[in-house]
Amino acid sequence: MNVLQPYGDPLDLHAALFVCAMIRHERRRFTYGYKWTKERMERSTIRLPAGPGGDPDWQAMARFVRGTPFSAALVR
């Protein structure tokens, strides 16, 4: 099992849930015979919404998750 940890500032919970959903979306590329090992993780790119400077737009991701139905049930 590999654990992913963000570099720099801690992520908002809603933005982290967005990133988890994007990783799960890529699950079909990595099956039993072609596992997502540490080496493949390091070479992989996760596509995220970008802000004006090209950096990930964490606020937009958090707003998106907060706007989904049942988003209040995500955080207790």
PDB file of N, CA and C in Angstrom:
ATOM      1  N   MET A   1       0.837  -1.166   0.000  1.00  0.00           N
ATOM      2  CA  MET A   1       0.000   0.000   0.000  1.00  0.00           C
ATOM      3  C   MET A   1       0.888   1.237   0.000  1.00  0.00           C
ATOM      4  N   ASN A   2       0.567   2.183  -0.840  1.00  0.00           N
ATOM      5  CA  ASN A   2       1.307   3.432  -0.907  1.00  0.00           C
ATOM      6  C   ASN A   2       0.446   4.562  -0.365  1.00  0.00           C
ATOM      7  N   VAL A   3       1.053   5.459   0.371  1.00  0.00           N
ATOM      8  CA  VAL A   3       0.355   6.592   0.958  1.00  0.00           C
ATOM      9  C   VAL A   3       0.816   7.847   0.238  1.00  0.00           C
ATOM     10  N   LEU A   4      -0.140   8.639  -0.217  1.00  0.00           N
ATOM     11  CA  LEU A   4       0.183   9.900  -0.885  1.00  0.00           C
ATOM     12  C   LEU A   4       0.015  11.037   0.105  1.00  0.00           C
ATOM     13  N   GLN A   5       1.006  11.915   0.174  1.00  0.00           N
ATOM     14  CA  GLN A   5       0.930  13.068   1.051  1.00  0.00           C
ATOM     15  C   GLN A   5       1.243  14.308   0.233  1.00  0.00           C
ATOM     16  N   PRO A   6       0.455  15.366   0.391  1.00  0.00           N
ATOM     17  CA  PRO A   6       0.715  16.592  -0.384  1.00  0.00           C
ATOM     18  C   PRO A   6       1.946  17.321   0.147  1.00  0.00           C
ATOM     19  N   TYR A   7       2.656  17.962  -0.756  1.00  0.00           N
ATOM     20  CA  TYR A   7       3.792  18.799  -0.377  1.00  0.00           C
ATOM     21  C   TYR A   7       3.274  20.195  -0.059  1.00  0.00           C
ATOM     22  N   GLY A   8       3.988  20.914   0.772  1.00  0.00           N
ATOM     23  CA  GLY A   8       3.636  22.296   1.045  1.00  0.00           C
ATOM     24  C   GLY A   8       2.489  22.417   2.027  1.00  0.00           C
ATOM     25  N   ASP A   9       1.608  23.374   1.757  1.00  0.00           N
ATOM     26  CA  ASP A   9       0.482  23.656   2.646  1.00  0.00           C
ATOM     27  C   ASP A   9      -0.482  22.478   2.690  1.00  0.00           C
ATOM     28  N   PRO A  10      -1.110  22.256   3.832  1.00  0.00           N
ATOM     29  CA  PRO A  10      -2.090  21.170   3.912  1.00  0.00           C
ATOM     30  C   PRO A  10      -3.307  21.480   3.038  1.00  0.00           C
ATOM     31  N   LEU A  11      -3.886  20.430   2.466  1.00  0.00           N
ATOM     32  CA  LEU A  11      -5.043  20.591   1.597  1.00  0.00           C
ATOM     33  C   LEU A  11      -6.323  20.710   2.405  1.00  0.00           C
ATOM     34  N   ASP A  12      -7.254  21.477   1.865  1.00  0.00           N
ATOM     35  CA  ASP A  12      -8.608  21.512   2.386  1.00  0.00           C
ATOM     36  C   ASP A  12      -9.212  20.123   2.182  1.00  0.00           C
ATOM     37  N   LEU A  13     -10.061  19.672   3.098  1.00  0.00           N
ATOM     38  CA  LEU A  13     -10.643  18.339   3.003  1.00  0.00           C
ATOM     39  C   LEU A  13     -11.387  18.150   1.691  1.00  0.00           C
ATOM     40  N   HIS A  14     -12.131  19.162   1.261  1.00  0.00           N
ATOM     41  CA  HIS A  14     -12.912  19.047   0.033  1.00  0.00           C
ATOM     42  C   HIS A  14     -12.010  18.958  -1.201  1.00  0.00           C
ATOM     43  N   ALA A  15     -10.918  19.700  -1.213  1.00  0.00           N
ATOM     44  CA  ALA A  15      -9.970  19.618  -2.329  1.00  0.00           C
ATOM     45  C   ALA A  15      -9.300  18.246  -2.351  1.00  0.00           C
ATOM     46  N   ALA A  16      -8.991  17.711  -1.171  1.00  0.00           N
ATOM     47  CA  ALA A  16      -8.384  16.379  -1.095  1.00  0.00           C
ATOM     48  C   ALA A  16      -9.355  15.312  -1.604  1.00  0.00           C
ATOM     49  N   LEU A  17     -10.642  15.470  -1.311  1.00  0.00           N
ATOM     50  CA  LEU A  17     -11.640  14.528  -1.818  1.00  0.00           C
ATOM     51  C   LEU A  17     -11.730  14.599  -3.342  1.00  0.00           C
ATOM     52  N   PHE A  18     -11.567  15.786  -3.905  1.00  0.00           N
ATOM     53  CA  PHE A  18     -11.557  15.942  -5.362  1.00  0.00           C
ATOM     54  C   PHE A  18     -10.376  15.182  -5.956  1.00  0.00           C
ATOM     55  N   VAL A  19      -9.204  15.307  -5.352  1.00  0.00           N
ATOM     56  CA  VAL A  19      -8.015  14.611  -5.839  1.00  0.00           C
ATOM     57  C   VAL A  19      -8.217  13.096  -5.729  1.00  0.00           C
ATOM     58  N   CYS A  20      -8.823  12.644  -4.637  1.00  0.00           N
ATOM     59  CA  CYS A  20      -9.110  11.206  -4.482  1.00  0.00           C
ATOM     60  C   CYS A  20     -10.027  10.714  -5.595  1.00  0.00           C
ATOM     61  N   ALA A  21     -11.021  11.511  -5.934  1.00  0.00           N
ATOM     62  CA  ALA A  21     -11.941  11.124  -7.004  1.00  0.00           C
ATOM     63  C   ALA A  21     -11.218  11.045  -8.343  1.00  0.00           C
ATOM     64  N   MET A  22     -10.285  11.962  -8.582  1.00  0.00           N
ATOM     65  CA  MET A  22      -9.537  11.935  -9.841  1.00  0.00           C
ATOM     66  C   MET A  22      -8.622  10.712  -9.904  1.00  0.00           C
ATOM     67  N   ILE A  23      -8.048  10.331  -8.785  1.00  0.00           N
ATOM     68  CA  ILE A  23      -7.199   9.133  -8.750  1.00  0.00           C
ATOM     69  C   ILE A  23      -8.053   7.896  -8.992  1.00  0.00           C
ATOM     70  N   ARG A  24      -9.219   7.836  -8.372  1.00  0.00           N
ATOM     71  CA  ARG A  24     -10.109   6.689  -8.582  1.00  0.00           C
ATOM     72  C   ARG A  24     -10.591   6.617 -10.024  1.00  0.00           C
ATOM     73  N   HIS A  25     -10.740   7.765 -10.667  1.00  0.00           N
ATOM     74  CA  HIS A  25     -11.168   7.805 -12.066  1.00  0.00           C
ATOM     75  C   HIS A  25     -10.134   7.118 -12.969  1.00  0.00           C
ATOM     76  N   GLU A  26      -8.879   7.186 -12.595  1.00  0.00           N
ATOM     77  CA  GLU A  26      -7.797   6.576 -13.365  1.00  0.00           C
ATOM     78  C   GLU A  26      -7.613   5.098 -13.040  1.00  0.00           C
ATOM     79  N   ARG A  27      -8.425   4.558 -12.165  1.00  0.00           N
ATOM     80  CA  ARG A  27      -8.270   3.171 -11.710  1.00  0.00           C
ATOM     81  C   ARG A  27      -8.312   2.173 -12.861  1.00  0.00           C
ATOM     82  N   ARG A  28      -9.113   2.452 -13.874  1.00  0.00           N
ATOM     83  CA  ARG A  28      -9.251   1.491 -14.974  1.00  0.00           C
ATOM     84  C   ARG A  28      -7.953   1.291 -15.740  1.00  0.00           C
ATOM     85  N   ARG A  29      -7.033   2.241 -15.656  1.00  0.00           N
ATOM     86  CA  ARG A  29      -5.744   2.097 -16.339  1.00  0.00           C
ATOM     87  C   ARG A  29      -4.823   1.119 -15.623  1.00  0.00           C
ATOM     88  N   PHE A  30      -5.048   0.914 -14.334  1.00  0.00           N
ATOM     89  CA  PHE A  30      -4.156   0.083 -13.528  1.00  0.00           C
ATOM     90  C   PHE A  30      -4.941  -1.100 -12.988  1.00  0.00           C
ATOM     91  N   THR A  31      -4.780  -2.246 -13.624  1.00  0.00           N
ATOM     92  CA  THR A  31      -5.501  -3.444 -13.238  1.00  0.00           C
ATOM     93  C   THR A  31      -4.561  -4.390 -12.503  1.00  0.00           C
ATOM     94  N   TYR A  32      -5.016  -5.592 -12.279  1.00  0.00           N
ATOM     95  CA  TYR A  32      -4.231  -6.557 -11.508  1.00  0.00           C
ATOM     96  C   TYR A  32      -2.861  -6.806 -12.128  1.00  0.00           C
ATOM     97  N   GLY A  33      -2.784  -6.942 -13.435  1.00  0.00           N
ATOM     98  CA  GLY A  33      -1.516  -7.221 -14.086  1.00  0.00           C
ATOM     99  C   GLY A  33      -0.641  -5.993 -14.275  1.00  0.00           C
ATOM    100  N   TYR A  34      -1.241  -4.813 -14.189  1.00  0.00           N
ATOM    101  CA  TYR A  34      -0.515  -3.554 -14.395  1.00  0.00           C
ATOM    102  C   TYR A  34      -0.821  -2.645 -13.214  1.00  0.00           C
ATOM    103  N   LYS A  35      -0.225  -2.980 -12.055  1.00  0.00           N
ATOM    104  CA  LYS A  35      -0.529  -2.265 -10.818  1.00  0.00           C
ATOM    105  C   LYS A  35       0.126  -0.896 -10.781  1.00  0.00           C
ATOM    106  N   TRP A  36      -0.476  -0.030  -9.975  1.00  0.00           N
ATOM    107  CA  TRP A  36       0.032   1.328  -9.802  1.00  0.00           C
ATOM    108  C   TRP A  36       1.070   1.308  -8.690  1.00  0.00           C
ATOM    109  N   THR A  37       2.274   0.877  -9.030  1.00  0.00           N
ATOM    110  CA  THR A  37       3.358   0.759  -8.065  1.00  0.00           C
ATOM    111  C   THR A  37       3.955   2.136  -7.778  1.00  0.00           C
ATOM    112  N   LYS A  38       4.861   2.176  -6.823  1.00  0.00           N
ATOM    113  CA  LYS A  38       5.504   3.447  -6.457  1.00  0.00           C
ATOM    114  C   LYS A  38       6.208   4.079  -7.654  1.00  0.00           C
ATOM    115  N   GLU A  39       6.876   3.267  -8.449  1.00  0.00           N
ATOM    116  CA  GLU A  39       7.587   3.795  -9.611  1.00  0.00           C
ATOM    117  C   GLU A  39       6.606   4.386 -10.631  1.00  0.00           C
ATOM    118  N   ARG A  40       5.487   3.706 -10.859  1.00  0.00           N
ATOM    119  CA  ARG A  40       4.486   4.226 -11.797  1.00  0.00           C
ATOM    120  C   ARG A  40       3.806   5.460 -11.236  1.00  0.00           C
ATOM    121  N   MET A  41       3.615   5.507  -9.916  1.00  0.00           N
ATOM    122  CA  MET A  41       3.031   6.701  -9.297  1.00  0.00           C
ATOM    123  C   MET A  41       3.907   7.921  -9.552  1.00  0.00           C
ATOM    124  N   GLU A  42       5.212   7.740  -9.416  1.00  0.00           N
ATOM    125  CA  GLU A  42       6.140   8.860  -9.599  1.00  0.00           C
ATOM    126  C   GLU A  42       6.137   9.366 -11.039  1.00  0.00           C
ATOM    127  N   ARG A  43       5.845   8.487 -11.990  1.00  0.00           N
ATOM    128  CA  ARG A  43       5.821   8.898 -13.402  1.00  0.00           C
ATOM    129  C   ARG A  43       4.446   9.373 -13.850  1.00  0.00           C
ATOM    130  N   SER A  44       3.409   9.117 -13.042  1.00  0.00           N
ATOM    131  CA  SER A  44       2.041   9.450 -13.431  1.00  0.00           C
ATOM    132  C   SER A  44       1.760  10.933 -13.253  1.00  0.00           C
ATOM    133  N   THR A  45       0.800  11.393 -14.019  1.00  0.00           N
ATOM    134  CA  THR A  45       0.322  12.762 -13.918  1.00  0.00           C
ATOM    135  C   THR A  45      -1.168  12.727 -13.630  1.00  0.00           C
ATOM    136  N   ILE A  46      -1.586  13.453 -12.608  1.00  0.00           N
ATOM    137  CA  ILE A  46      -3.003  13.571 -12.284  1.00  0.00           C
ATOM    138  C   ILE A  46      -3.457  14.925 -12.800  1.00  0.00           C
ATOM    139  N   ARG A  47      -4.412  14.934 -13.688  1.00  0.00           N
ATOM    140  CA  ARG A  47      -4.886  16.187 -14.276  1.00  0.00           C
ATOM    141  C   ARG A  47      -5.885  16.853 -13.341  1.00  0.00           C
ATOM    142  N   LEU A  48      -5.565  18.097 -12.982  1.00  0.00           N
ATOM    143  CA  LEU A  48      -6.393  18.872 -12.069  1.00  0.00           C
ATOM    144  C   LEU A  48      -6.688  20.231 -12.689  1.00  0.00           C
ATOM    145  N   PRO A  49      -7.767  20.888 -12.254  1.00  0.00           N
ATOM    146  CA  PRO A  49      -8.036  22.242 -12.745  1.00  0.00           C
ATOM    147  C   PRO A  49      -6.900  23.182 -12.345  1.00  0.00           C
ATOM    148  N   ALA A  50      -6.510  24.037 -13.265  1.00  0.00           N
ATOM    149  CA  ALA A  50      -5.394  24.951 -13.016  1.00  0.00           C
ATOM    150  C   ALA A  50      -5.894  26.380 -12.892  1.00  0.00           C
ATOM    151  N   GLY A  51      -5.181  27.145 -12.073  1.00  0.00           N
ATOM    152  CA  GLY A  51      -5.475  28.558 -11.899  1.00  0.00           C
ATOM    153  C   GLY A  51      -4.750  29.384 -12.947  1.00  0.00           C
ATOM    154  N   PRO A  52      -4.765  30.702 -12.792  1.00  0.00           N
ATOM    155  CA  PRO A  52      -4.137  31.584 -13.782  1.00  0.00           C
ATOM    156  C   PRO A  52      -2.636  31.357 -13.962  1.00  0.00           C
ATOM    157  N   GLY A  53      -1.931  30.984 -12.921  1.00  0.00           N
ATOM    158  CA  GLY A  53      -0.489  30.779 -13.013  1.00  0.00           C
ATOM    159  C   GLY A  53      -0.099  29.377 -13.438  1.00  0.00           C
ATOM    160  N   GLY A  54      -1.075  28.508 -13.650  1.00  0.00           N
ATOM    161  CA  GLY A  54      -0.776  27.137 -14.027  1.00  0.00           C
ATOM    162  C   GLY A  54      -0.716  26.180 -12.857  1.00  0.00           C
ATOM    163  N   ASP A  55      -0.774  26.706 -11.631  1.00  0.00           N
ATOM    164  CA  ASP A  55      -0.788  25.860 -10.443  1.00  0.00           C
ATOM    165  C   ASP A  55      -2.197  25.318 -10.222  1.00  0.00           C
ATOM    166  N   PRO A  56      -2.327  24.194  -9.511  1.00  0.00           N
ATOM    167  CA  PRO A  56      -3.661  23.657  -9.244  1.00  0.00           C
ATOM    168  C   PRO A  56      -4.542  24.671  -8.509  1.00  0.00           C
ATOM    169  N   ASP A  57      -5.786  24.767  -8.915  1.00  0.00           N
ATOM    170  CA  ASP A  57      -6.738  25.696  -8.309  1.00  0.00           C
ATOM    171  C   ASP A  57      -7.492  24.964  -7.203  1.00  0.00           C
ATOM    172  N   TRP A  58      -6.912  24.947  -6.008  1.00  0.00           N
ATOM    173  CA  TRP A  58      -7.470  24.198  -4.890  1.00  0.00           C
ATOM    174  C   TRP A  58      -8.823  24.737  -4.463  1.00  0.00           C
ATOM    175  N   GLN A  59      -9.014  26.062  -4.535  1.00  0.00           N
ATOM    176  CA  GLN A  59     -10.295  26.644  -4.136  1.00  0.00           C
ATOM    177  C   GLN A  59     -11.410  26.210  -5.081  1.00  0.00           C
ATOM    178  N   ALA A  60     -11.134  26.130  -6.369  1.00  0.00           N
ATOM    179  CA  ALA A  60     -12.145  25.690  -7.334  1.00  0.00           C
ATOM    180  C   ALA A  60     -12.523  24.232  -7.086  1.00  0.00           C
ATOM    181  N   MET A  61     -11.545  23.409  -6.763  1.00  0.00           N
ATOM    182  CA  MET A  61     -11.829  21.999  -6.478  1.00  0.00           C
ATOM    183  C   MET A  61     -12.696  21.873  -5.231  1.00  0.00           C
ATOM    184  N   ALA A  62     -12.371  22.648  -4.192  1.00  0.00           N
ATOM    185  CA  ALA A  62     -13.154  22.601  -2.953  1.00  0.00           C
ATOM    186  C   ALA A  62     -14.572  23.107  -3.200  1.00  0.00           C
ATOM    187  N   ARG A  63     -14.715  24.180  -3.991  1.00  0.00           N
ATOM    188  CA  ARG A  63     -16.058  24.699  -4.315  1.00  0.00           C
ATOM    189  C   ARG A  63     -16.869  23.664  -5.071  1.00  0.00           C
ATOM    190  N   PHE A  64     -16.236  22.957  -5.984  1.00  0.00           N
ATOM    191  CA  PHE A  64     -16.933  21.939  -6.762  1.00  0.00           C
ATOM    192  C   PHE A  64     -17.485  20.837  -5.859  1.00  0.00           C
ATOM    193  N   VAL A  65     -16.647  20.348  -4.944  1.00  0.00           N
ATOM    194  CA  VAL A  65     -17.087  19.269  -4.051  1.00  0.00           C
ATOM    195  C   VAL A  65     -18.171  19.771  -3.112  1.00  0.00           C
ATOM    196  N   ARG A  66     -18.033  21.008  -2.602  1.00  0.00           N
ATOM    197  CA  ARG A  66     -19.063  21.557  -1.719  1.00  0.00           C
ATOM    198  C   ARG A  66     -20.396  21.738  -2.452  1.00  0.00           C
ATOM    199  N   GLY A  67     -20.364  21.926  -3.748  1.00  0.00           N
ATOM    200  CA  GLY A  67     -21.563  22.140  -4.532  1.00  0.00           C
ATOM    201  C   GLY A  67     -22.275  20.872  -4.943  1.00  0.00           C
ATOM    202  N   THR A  68     -21.691  19.732  -4.685  1.00  0.00           N
ATOM    203  CA  THR A  68     -22.323  18.472  -5.068  1.00  0.00           C
ATOM    204  C   THR A  68     -23.410  18.093  -4.066  1.00  0.00           C
ATOM    205  N   PRO A  69     -24.431  17.365  -4.522  1.00  0.00           N
ATOM    206  CA  PRO A  69     -25.459  16.925  -3.585  1.00  0.00           C
ATOM    207  C   PRO A  69     -24.843  16.048  -2.484  1.00  0.00           C
ATOM    208  N   PHE A  70     -25.350  16.163  -1.308  1.00  0.00           N
ATOM    209  CA  PHE A  70     -24.911  15.386  -0.142  1.00  0.00           C
ATOM    210  C   PHE A  70     -23.503  15.753   0.314  1.00  0.00           C
ATOM    211  N   SER A  71     -22.982  16.904  -0.092  1.00  0.00           N
ATOM    212  CA  SER A  71     -21.641  17.272   0.332  1.00  0.00           C
ATOM    213  C   SER A  71     -21.595  17.563   1.833  1.00  0.00           C
ATOM    214  N   ALA A  72     -22.723  17.941   2.417  1.00  0.00           N
ATOM    215  CA  ALA A  72     -22.751  18.178   3.855  1.00  0.00           C
ATOM    216  C   ALA A  72     -22.517  16.883   4.630  1.00  0.00           C
ATOM    217  N   ALA A  73     -22.850  15.760   4.030  1.00  0.00           N
ATOM    218  CA  ALA A  73     -22.655  14.469   4.703  1.00  0.00           C
ATOM    219  C   ALA A  73     -21.192  14.031   4.688  1.00  0.00           C
ATOM    220  N   LEU A  74     -20.354  14.678   3.875  1.00  0.00           N
ATOM    221  CA  LEU A  74     -18.944  14.296   3.792  1.00  0.00           C
ATOM    222  C   LEU A  74     -18.170  14.683   5.037  1.00  0.00           C
ATOM    223  N   VAL A  75     -18.545  15.822   5.632  1.00  0.00           N
ATOM    224  CA  VAL A  75     -17.817  16.341   6.778  1.00  0.00           C
ATOM    225  C   VAL A  75     -18.763  16.355   7.978  1.00  0.00           C
ATOM    226  N   ARG A  76     -18.325  15.772   9.044  1.00  0.00           N
ATOM    227  CA  ARG A  76     -19.156  15.753  10.260  1.00  0.00           C
ATOM    228  C   ARG A  76     -18.457  16.462  11.358  1.00  0.00           C
TER     229      ARG A  76
END
